[in-house]
Amino acid sequence: MTDPKSETQTVAHILAHYRTVAVVGLSPKPHRDSYGVAAYLQSRGWRVIPINPNASEILGEKCHATLSEAARHEAIELVDVFRNSDDVPPVVDEAIAIGAKAVWLQLGISNAQAATKAMQAGLYVVQNRCIKIDLREWTP
């Protein structure tokens, strides 16, 4: 998104309305950013669903190999992405297919084509921002 006001409104909407987040690329290693962000979300009462095909459990939660698999067990509102920008399009396709409401691409991650596709499908989209930082700073 290029309009700062609309991006601010999108961030505020996501933080105010969604509490079930699938974290794609969540690492089981505590020193990784994805782990720290997910742990912070959990500490704030969010339901974190790990998406990592190489782990069975992270942060006390069962891991799923894909969003589609996770969506068979949980209703996912938000998809938080810790993957390379080039890996975003199939994640967005899955987010759309499972009926997610929003996609959040973490700091350093953006993909204009995938973002446009998600927005055209009715999803809220945030790119190149850290949800942990925004949640700390956001007040309803």
N, C-alpha and C. Protein backbone atom coordinates (compact mmCIF):
# COMPACT_ATOMS: atom_id res chain seq x y z
N MET A 1 0.84 -1.18 0.00
CA MET A 1 0.00 0.00 0.00
C MET A 1 0.88 1.24 0.00
N THR A 2 0.51 2.20 -0.76
CA THR A 2 1.33 3.40 -0.85
C THR A 2 0.76 4.56 -0.05
N ASP A 3 -0.53 4.61 0.17
CA ASP A 3 -1.14 5.69 0.94
C ASP A 3 -0.95 5.41 2.43
N PRO A 4 -0.14 6.24 3.14
CA PRO A 4 0.13 5.99 4.56
C PRO A 4 -1.13 5.97 5.41
N LYS A 5 -2.11 6.82 5.06
CA LYS A 5 -3.35 6.83 5.84
C LYS A 5 -4.09 5.51 5.70
N SER A 6 -4.20 5.01 4.49
CA SER A 6 -4.91 3.75 4.31
C SER A 6 -4.12 2.60 4.94
N GLU A 7 -2.80 2.65 4.89
CA GLU A 7 -2.01 1.60 5.54
C GLU A 7 -2.22 1.65 7.05
N THR A 8 -2.23 2.85 7.61
CA THR A 8 -2.48 3.00 9.05
C THR A 8 -3.86 2.47 9.41
N GLN A 9 -4.84 2.75 8.58
CA GLN A 9 -6.19 2.25 8.82
C GLN A 9 -6.25 0.73 8.70
N THR A 10 -5.52 0.18 7.75
CA THR A 10 -5.49 -1.27 7.58
C THR A 10 -4.86 -1.94 8.79
N VAL A 11 -3.72 -1.41 9.24
CA VAL A 11 -3.05 -1.95 10.43
C VAL A 11 -3.99 -1.89 11.62
N ALA A 12 -4.62 -0.74 11.83
CA ALA A 12 -5.54 -0.58 12.96
C ALA A 12 -6.70 -1.57 12.88
N HIS A 13 -7.24 -1.78 11.69
CA HIS A 13 -8.35 -2.72 11.52
C HIS A 13 -7.91 -4.14 11.89
N ILE A 14 -6.77 -4.56 11.37
CA ILE A 14 -6.28 -5.91 11.65
C ILE A 14 -6.05 -6.09 13.15
N LEU A 15 -5.38 -5.14 13.77
CA LEU A 15 -5.05 -5.27 15.19
C LEU A 15 -6.30 -5.21 16.08
N ALA A 16 -7.33 -4.53 15.62
CA ALA A 16 -8.55 -4.41 16.40
C ALA A 16 -9.49 -5.61 16.25
N HIS A 17 -9.42 -6.29 15.10
CA HIS A 17 -10.45 -7.29 14.81
C HIS A 17 -10.01 -8.75 14.75
N TYR A 18 -8.75 -9.02 14.57
CA TYR A 18 -8.32 -10.40 14.37
C TYR A 18 -7.41 -10.86 15.50
N ARG A 19 -7.62 -12.11 15.95
CA ARG A 19 -6.81 -12.67 17.03
C ARG A 19 -6.33 -14.09 16.74
N THR A 20 -6.71 -14.64 15.60
CA THR A 20 -6.24 -15.98 15.23
C THR A 20 -5.33 -15.83 14.03
N VAL A 21 -4.05 -16.14 14.23
CA VAL A 21 -3.04 -15.88 13.21
C VAL A 21 -2.25 -17.15 12.90
N ALA A 22 -2.16 -17.46 11.62
CA ALA A 22 -1.27 -18.53 11.15
C ALA A 22 0.05 -17.86 10.78
N VAL A 23 1.13 -18.34 11.37
CA VAL A 23 2.45 -17.76 11.11
C VAL A 23 3.20 -18.69 10.17
N VAL A 24 3.30 -18.26 8.91
CA VAL A 24 3.95 -19.06 7.87
C VAL A 24 5.46 -18.82 7.95
N GLY A 25 6.20 -19.91 8.14
CA GLY A 25 7.65 -19.80 8.28
C GLY A 25 8.07 -19.63 9.73
N LEU A 26 7.21 -19.99 10.67
CA LEU A 26 7.54 -19.88 12.09
C LEU A 26 8.65 -20.87 12.43
N SER A 27 9.73 -20.35 12.97
CA SER A 27 10.89 -21.17 13.33
C SER A 27 10.76 -21.68 14.76
N PRO A 28 11.23 -22.91 15.02
CA PRO A 28 11.24 -23.41 16.39
C PRO A 28 12.43 -22.86 17.19
N LYS A 29 13.28 -22.07 16.55
CA LYS A 29 14.48 -21.55 17.21
C LYS A 29 14.16 -20.22 17.89
N PRO A 30 14.33 -20.15 19.22
CA PRO A 30 13.96 -18.95 19.97
C PRO A 30 14.69 -17.68 19.54
N HIS A 31 15.85 -17.78 18.93
CA HIS A 31 16.58 -16.58 18.53
C HIS A 31 16.09 -15.99 17.19
N ARG A 32 15.20 -16.68 16.51
CA ARG A 32 14.69 -16.19 15.22
C ARG A 32 13.55 -15.19 15.44
N ASP A 33 13.46 -14.22 14.53
CA ASP A 33 12.43 -13.18 14.64
C ASP A 33 11.03 -13.77 14.64
N SER A 34 10.79 -14.76 13.81
CA SER A 34 9.45 -15.33 13.73
C SER A 34 9.01 -15.89 15.08
N TYR A 35 9.92 -16.52 15.78
CA TYR A 35 9.62 -17.10 17.09
C TYR A 35 9.28 -16.00 18.08
N GLY A 36 10.10 -14.95 18.11
CA GLY A 36 9.88 -13.83 19.03
C GLY A 36 8.56 -13.13 18.78
N VAL A 37 8.24 -12.93 17.52
CA VAL A 37 6.97 -12.28 17.17
C VAL A 37 5.80 -13.16 17.59
N ALA A 38 5.86 -14.44 17.26
CA ALA A 38 4.76 -15.34 17.61
C ALA A 38 4.60 -15.46 19.12
N ALA A 39 5.70 -15.53 19.85
CA ALA A 39 5.64 -15.60 21.31
C ALA A 39 5.00 -14.33 21.88
N TYR A 40 5.34 -13.20 21.30
CA TYR A 40 4.74 -11.94 21.76
C TYR A 40 3.24 -11.93 21.50
N LEU A 41 2.83 -12.35 20.31
CA LEU A 41 1.40 -12.42 20.01
C LEU A 41 0.67 -13.32 21.00
N GLN A 42 1.27 -14.47 21.29
CA GLN A 42 0.68 -15.39 22.28
C GLN A 42 0.54 -14.70 23.64
N SER A 43 1.58 -13.97 24.04
CA SER A 43 1.56 -13.30 25.34
C SER A 43 0.47 -12.23 25.43
N ARG A 44 0.02 -11.76 24.28
CA ARG A 44 -1.05 -10.75 24.23
C ARG A 44 -2.42 -11.40 24.01
N GLY A 45 -2.49 -12.73 24.10
CA GLY A 45 -3.76 -13.43 24.01
C GLY A 45 -4.16 -13.87 22.61
N TRP A 46 -3.27 -13.74 21.65
CA TRP A 46 -3.57 -14.18 20.29
C TRP A 46 -3.43 -15.69 20.19
N ARG A 47 -4.22 -16.28 19.30
CA ARG A 47 -4.11 -17.71 18.98
C ARG A 47 -3.14 -17.83 17.82
N VAL A 48 -1.99 -18.47 18.06
CA VAL A 48 -0.96 -18.63 17.05
C VAL A 48 -0.99 -20.06 16.51
N ILE A 49 -1.05 -20.16 15.20
CA ILE A 49 -1.05 -21.46 14.52
C ILE A 49 0.23 -21.54 13.69
N PRO A 50 1.19 -22.37 14.11
CA PRO A 50 2.46 -22.46 13.37
C PRO A 50 2.31 -23.20 12.03
N ILE A 51 2.90 -22.60 11.00
CA ILE A 51 2.96 -23.26 9.69
C ILE A 51 4.43 -23.50 9.38
N ASN A 52 4.83 -24.75 9.53
CA ASN A 52 6.22 -25.15 9.29
C ASN A 52 6.22 -26.65 9.03
N PRO A 53 6.53 -27.07 7.80
CA PRO A 53 6.48 -28.49 7.47
C PRO A 53 7.59 -29.31 8.12
N ASN A 54 8.57 -28.64 8.73
CA ASN A 54 9.73 -29.34 9.31
C ASN A 54 9.70 -29.43 10.82
N ALA A 55 8.60 -29.04 11.44
CA ALA A 55 8.50 -29.10 12.90
C ALA A 55 7.15 -29.70 13.28
N SER A 56 7.09 -30.33 14.45
CA SER A 56 5.83 -30.92 14.89
C SER A 56 5.10 -30.01 15.87
N GLU A 57 5.86 -29.20 16.62
CA GLU A 57 5.26 -28.30 17.61
C GLU A 57 6.18 -27.11 17.83
N ILE A 58 5.57 -25.93 17.93
CA ILE A 58 6.31 -24.71 18.26
C ILE A 58 5.44 -23.91 19.22
N LEU A 59 6.06 -23.40 20.28
CA LEU A 59 5.37 -22.59 21.28
C LEU A 59 4.15 -23.32 21.86
N GLY A 60 4.28 -24.64 21.99
CA GLY A 60 3.19 -25.43 22.57
C GLY A 60 2.03 -25.68 21.63
N GLU A 61 2.18 -25.31 20.38
CA GLU A 61 1.12 -25.48 19.39
C GLU A 61 1.53 -26.47 18.32
N LYS A 62 0.59 -27.29 17.88
CA LYS A 62 0.84 -28.24 16.80
C LYS A 62 1.14 -27.49 15.51
N CYS A 63 2.20 -27.90 14.83
CA CYS A 63 2.55 -27.29 13.54
C CYS A 63 1.76 -27.97 12.42
N HIS A 64 1.52 -27.19 11.40
CA HIS A 64 0.89 -27.70 10.19
C HIS A 64 1.84 -27.43 9.03
N ALA A 65 1.82 -28.31 8.04
CA ALA A 65 2.72 -28.16 6.89
C ALA A 65 2.28 -27.02 5.98
N THR A 66 0.97 -26.78 5.89
CA THR A 66 0.43 -25.77 4.98
C THR A 66 -0.73 -25.04 5.64
N LEU A 67 -1.08 -23.91 5.08
CA LEU A 67 -2.26 -23.18 5.53
C LEU A 67 -3.52 -24.02 5.32
N SER A 68 -3.58 -24.69 4.19
CA SER A 68 -4.76 -25.51 3.88
C SER A 68 -4.98 -26.59 4.92
N GLU A 69 -3.89 -27.23 5.33
CA GLU A 69 -4.00 -28.26 6.37
C GLU A 69 -4.46 -27.64 7.68
N ALA A 70 -3.88 -26.51 8.06
CA ALA A 70 -4.25 -25.84 9.31
C ALA A 70 -5.72 -25.42 9.29
N ALA A 71 -6.19 -24.96 8.15
CA ALA A 71 -7.57 -24.47 8.03
C ALA A 71 -8.60 -25.58 8.19
N ARG A 72 -8.17 -26.84 8.05
CA ARG A 72 -9.09 -27.95 8.29
C ARG A 72 -9.41 -28.10 9.78
N HIS A 73 -8.53 -27.51 10.62
CA HIS A 73 -8.67 -27.65 12.08
C HIS A 73 -9.00 -26.34 12.78
N GLU A 74 -8.69 -25.21 12.14
CA GLU A 74 -8.85 -23.90 12.77
C GLU A 74 -9.38 -22.90 11.74
N ALA A 75 -10.15 -21.92 12.22
CA ALA A 75 -10.55 -20.80 11.36
C ALA A 75 -9.45 -19.74 11.46
N ILE A 76 -8.77 -19.49 10.36
CA ILE A 76 -7.64 -18.56 10.34
C ILE A 76 -8.11 -17.20 9.84
N GLU A 77 -7.87 -16.18 10.66
CA GLU A 77 -8.27 -14.82 10.28
C GLU A 77 -7.14 -14.10 9.56
N LEU A 78 -5.93 -14.24 10.11
CA LEU A 78 -4.77 -13.49 9.63
C LEU A 78 -3.64 -14.46 9.29
N VAL A 79 -2.96 -14.19 8.18
CA VAL A 79 -1.79 -14.97 7.80
C VAL A 79 -0.58 -14.03 7.89
N ASP A 80 0.32 -14.34 8.81
CA ASP A 80 1.54 -13.56 9.02
C ASP A 80 2.69 -14.31 8.35
N VAL A 81 3.39 -13.64 7.44
CA VAL A 81 4.35 -14.34 6.57
C VAL A 81 5.79 -13.98 6.90
N PHE A 82 6.58 -15.01 7.21
CA PHE A 82 8.02 -14.92 7.39
C PHE A 82 8.68 -15.79 6.33
N ARG A 83 8.56 -15.40 5.09
CA ARG A 83 9.16 -16.11 3.96
C ARG A 83 9.76 -15.07 3.04
N ASN A 84 10.59 -15.50 2.11
CA ASN A 84 11.15 -14.57 1.13
C ASN A 84 10.03 -13.98 0.28
N SER A 85 10.26 -12.77 -0.18
CA SER A 85 9.26 -12.08 -1.00
C SER A 85 8.83 -12.91 -2.21
N ASP A 86 9.77 -13.63 -2.82
CA ASP A 86 9.45 -14.46 -3.99
C ASP A 86 8.55 -15.64 -3.64
N ASP A 87 8.50 -16.02 -2.35
CA ASP A 87 7.69 -17.15 -1.91
C ASP A 87 6.27 -16.75 -1.51
N VAL A 88 5.96 -15.45 -1.60
CA VAL A 88 4.67 -14.94 -1.13
C VAL A 88 3.48 -15.35 -2.01
N PRO A 89 3.58 -15.33 -3.35
CA PRO A 89 2.38 -15.62 -4.15
C PRO A 89 1.64 -16.91 -3.80
N PRO A 90 2.30 -18.06 -3.63
CA PRO A 90 1.52 -19.24 -3.27
C PRO A 90 0.91 -19.16 -1.87
N VAL A 91 1.56 -18.42 -0.97
CA VAL A 91 1.00 -18.22 0.37
C VAL A 91 -0.28 -17.40 0.27
N VAL A 92 -0.25 -16.35 -0.54
CA VAL A 92 -1.44 -15.52 -0.75
C VAL A 92 -2.55 -16.34 -1.40
N ASP A 93 -2.21 -17.16 -2.38
CA ASP A 93 -3.22 -18.02 -3.02
C ASP A 93 -3.90 -18.91 -1.98
N GLU A 94 -3.10 -19.49 -1.08
CA GLU A 94 -3.67 -20.34 -0.04
C GLU A 94 -4.51 -19.53 0.94
N ALA A 95 -4.03 -18.33 1.30
CA ALA A 95 -4.78 -17.47 2.23
C ALA A 95 -6.16 -17.15 1.65
N ILE A 96 -6.19 -16.86 0.37
CA ILE A 96 -7.47 -16.58 -0.30
C ILE A 96 -8.35 -17.84 -0.28
N ALA A 97 -7.76 -18.98 -0.62
CA ALA A 97 -8.51 -20.24 -0.70
C ALA A 97 -9.11 -20.66 0.64
N ILE A 98 -8.43 -20.36 1.74
CA ILE A 98 -8.94 -20.79 3.06
C ILE A 98 -9.88 -19.77 3.69
N GLY A 99 -10.04 -18.63 3.04
CA GLY A 99 -10.95 -17.62 3.56
C GLY A 99 -10.36 -16.72 4.63
N ALA A 100 -9.04 -16.58 4.65
CA ALA A 100 -8.42 -15.65 5.60
C ALA A 100 -8.93 -14.24 5.33
N LYS A 101 -8.88 -13.41 6.34
CA LYS A 101 -9.37 -12.03 6.21
C LYS A 101 -8.24 -11.05 5.88
N ALA A 102 -6.99 -11.44 6.21
CA ALA A 102 -5.86 -10.51 6.04
C ALA A 102 -4.56 -11.27 5.88
N VAL A 103 -3.61 -10.59 5.22
CA VAL A 103 -2.25 -11.11 5.05
C VAL A 103 -1.28 -10.02 5.52
N TRP A 104 -0.33 -10.41 6.35
CA TRP A 104 0.67 -9.48 6.88
C TRP A 104 2.04 -9.99 6.47
N LEU A 105 2.76 -9.18 5.69
CA LEU A 105 4.12 -9.53 5.28
C LEU A 105 5.08 -8.78 6.18
N GLN A 106 5.91 -9.52 6.89
CA GLN A 106 6.81 -8.94 7.89
C GLN A 106 7.86 -8.01 7.27
N LEU A 107 8.62 -7.34 8.13
CA LEU A 107 9.67 -6.41 7.68
C LEU A 107 10.56 -7.05 6.63
N GLY A 108 10.81 -6.33 5.57
CA GLY A 108 11.68 -6.81 4.51
C GLY A 108 10.97 -7.68 3.48
N ILE A 109 9.69 -7.92 3.67
CA ILE A 109 8.95 -8.80 2.76
C ILE A 109 7.86 -8.00 2.05
N SER A 110 7.90 -8.03 0.74
CA SER A 110 6.84 -7.39 -0.05
C SER A 110 6.76 -8.07 -1.41
N ASN A 111 5.57 -8.05 -1.95
CA ASN A 111 5.34 -8.61 -3.28
C ASN A 111 4.09 -7.92 -3.83
N ALA A 112 4.31 -6.93 -4.67
CA ALA A 112 3.22 -6.09 -5.16
C ALA A 112 2.15 -6.90 -5.87
N GLN A 113 2.56 -7.84 -6.71
CA GLN A 113 1.59 -8.63 -7.47
C GLN A 113 0.71 -9.47 -6.53
N ALA A 114 1.34 -10.12 -5.55
CA ALA A 114 0.57 -10.94 -4.60
C ALA A 114 -0.33 -10.06 -3.74
N ALA A 115 0.17 -8.90 -3.34
CA ALA A 115 -0.63 -7.98 -2.52
C ALA A 115 -1.86 -7.52 -3.29
N THR A 116 -1.67 -7.17 -4.54
CA THR A 116 -2.80 -6.74 -5.38
C THR A 116 -3.82 -7.86 -5.50
N LYS A 117 -3.36 -9.07 -5.73
CA LYS A 117 -4.26 -10.21 -5.85
C LYS A 117 -5.06 -10.41 -4.56
N ALA A 118 -4.39 -10.31 -3.42
CA ALA A 118 -5.07 -10.47 -2.13
C ALA A 118 -6.11 -9.37 -1.92
N MET A 119 -5.74 -8.13 -2.23
CA MET A 119 -6.69 -7.02 -2.06
C MET A 119 -7.89 -7.17 -2.99
N GLN A 120 -7.64 -7.62 -4.23
CA GLN A 120 -8.75 -7.83 -5.16
C GLN A 120 -9.69 -8.93 -4.68
N ALA A 121 -9.14 -9.86 -3.87
CA ALA A 121 -9.96 -10.94 -3.31
C ALA A 121 -10.64 -10.51 -2.01
N GLY A 122 -10.42 -9.26 -1.60
CA GLY A 122 -11.08 -8.73 -0.42
C GLY A 122 -10.30 -8.84 0.88
N LEU A 123 -9.05 -9.25 0.82
CA LEU A 123 -8.25 -9.35 2.02
C LEU A 123 -7.58 -8.02 2.35
N TYR A 124 -7.41 -7.76 3.63
CA TYR A 124 -6.57 -6.65 4.06
C TYR A 124 -5.13 -7.08 3.90
N VAL A 125 -4.26 -6.14 3.49
CA VAL A 125 -2.85 -6.49 3.23
C VAL A 125 -1.94 -5.44 3.86
N VAL A 126 -0.93 -5.93 4.55
CA VAL A 126 0.14 -5.09 5.08
C VAL A 126 1.45 -5.71 4.59
N GLN A 127 2.35 -4.85 4.12
CA GLN A 127 3.65 -5.31 3.63
C GLN A 127 4.78 -4.58 4.35
N ASN A 128 5.89 -5.28 4.53
CA ASN A 128 7.13 -4.69 5.02
C ASN A 128 6.95 -3.98 6.37
N ARG A 129 6.20 -4.63 7.28
CA ARG A 129 6.01 -4.09 8.63
C ARG A 129 6.04 -5.24 9.62
N CYS A 130 6.42 -4.94 10.84
CA CYS A 130 6.44 -5.95 11.90
C CYS A 130 5.19 -5.83 12.76
N ILE A 131 4.43 -6.89 12.83
CA ILE A 131 3.19 -6.86 13.61
C ILE A 131 3.48 -6.67 15.09
N LYS A 132 4.59 -7.18 15.58
CA LYS A 132 4.96 -7.00 16.99
C LYS A 132 5.18 -5.52 17.30
N ILE A 133 5.91 -4.84 16.45
CA ILE A 133 6.16 -3.41 16.64
C ILE A 133 4.85 -2.63 16.58
N ASP A 134 4.04 -2.93 15.56
CA ASP A 134 2.77 -2.22 15.41
C ASP A 134 1.82 -2.50 16.58
N LEU A 135 1.79 -3.73 17.05
CA LEU A 135 0.90 -4.07 18.17
C LEU A 135 1.35 -3.35 19.44
N ARG A 136 2.65 -3.25 19.64
CA ARG A 136 3.17 -2.51 20.81
C ARG A 136 2.75 -1.05 20.78
N GLU A 137 2.78 -0.46 19.58
CA GLU A 137 2.51 0.97 19.44
C GLU A 137 1.02 1.30 19.31
N TRP A 138 0.23 0.31 18.92
CA TRP A 138 -1.18 0.54 18.63
C TRP A 138 -2.00 0.57 19.90
N THR A 139 -2.91 1.52 19.97
CA THR A 139 -3.89 1.53 21.06
C THR A 139 -5.26 1.78 20.44
N PRO A 140 -6.24 1.01 20.85
CA PRO A 140 -7.57 1.16 20.27
C PRO A 140 -8.20 2.49 20.59
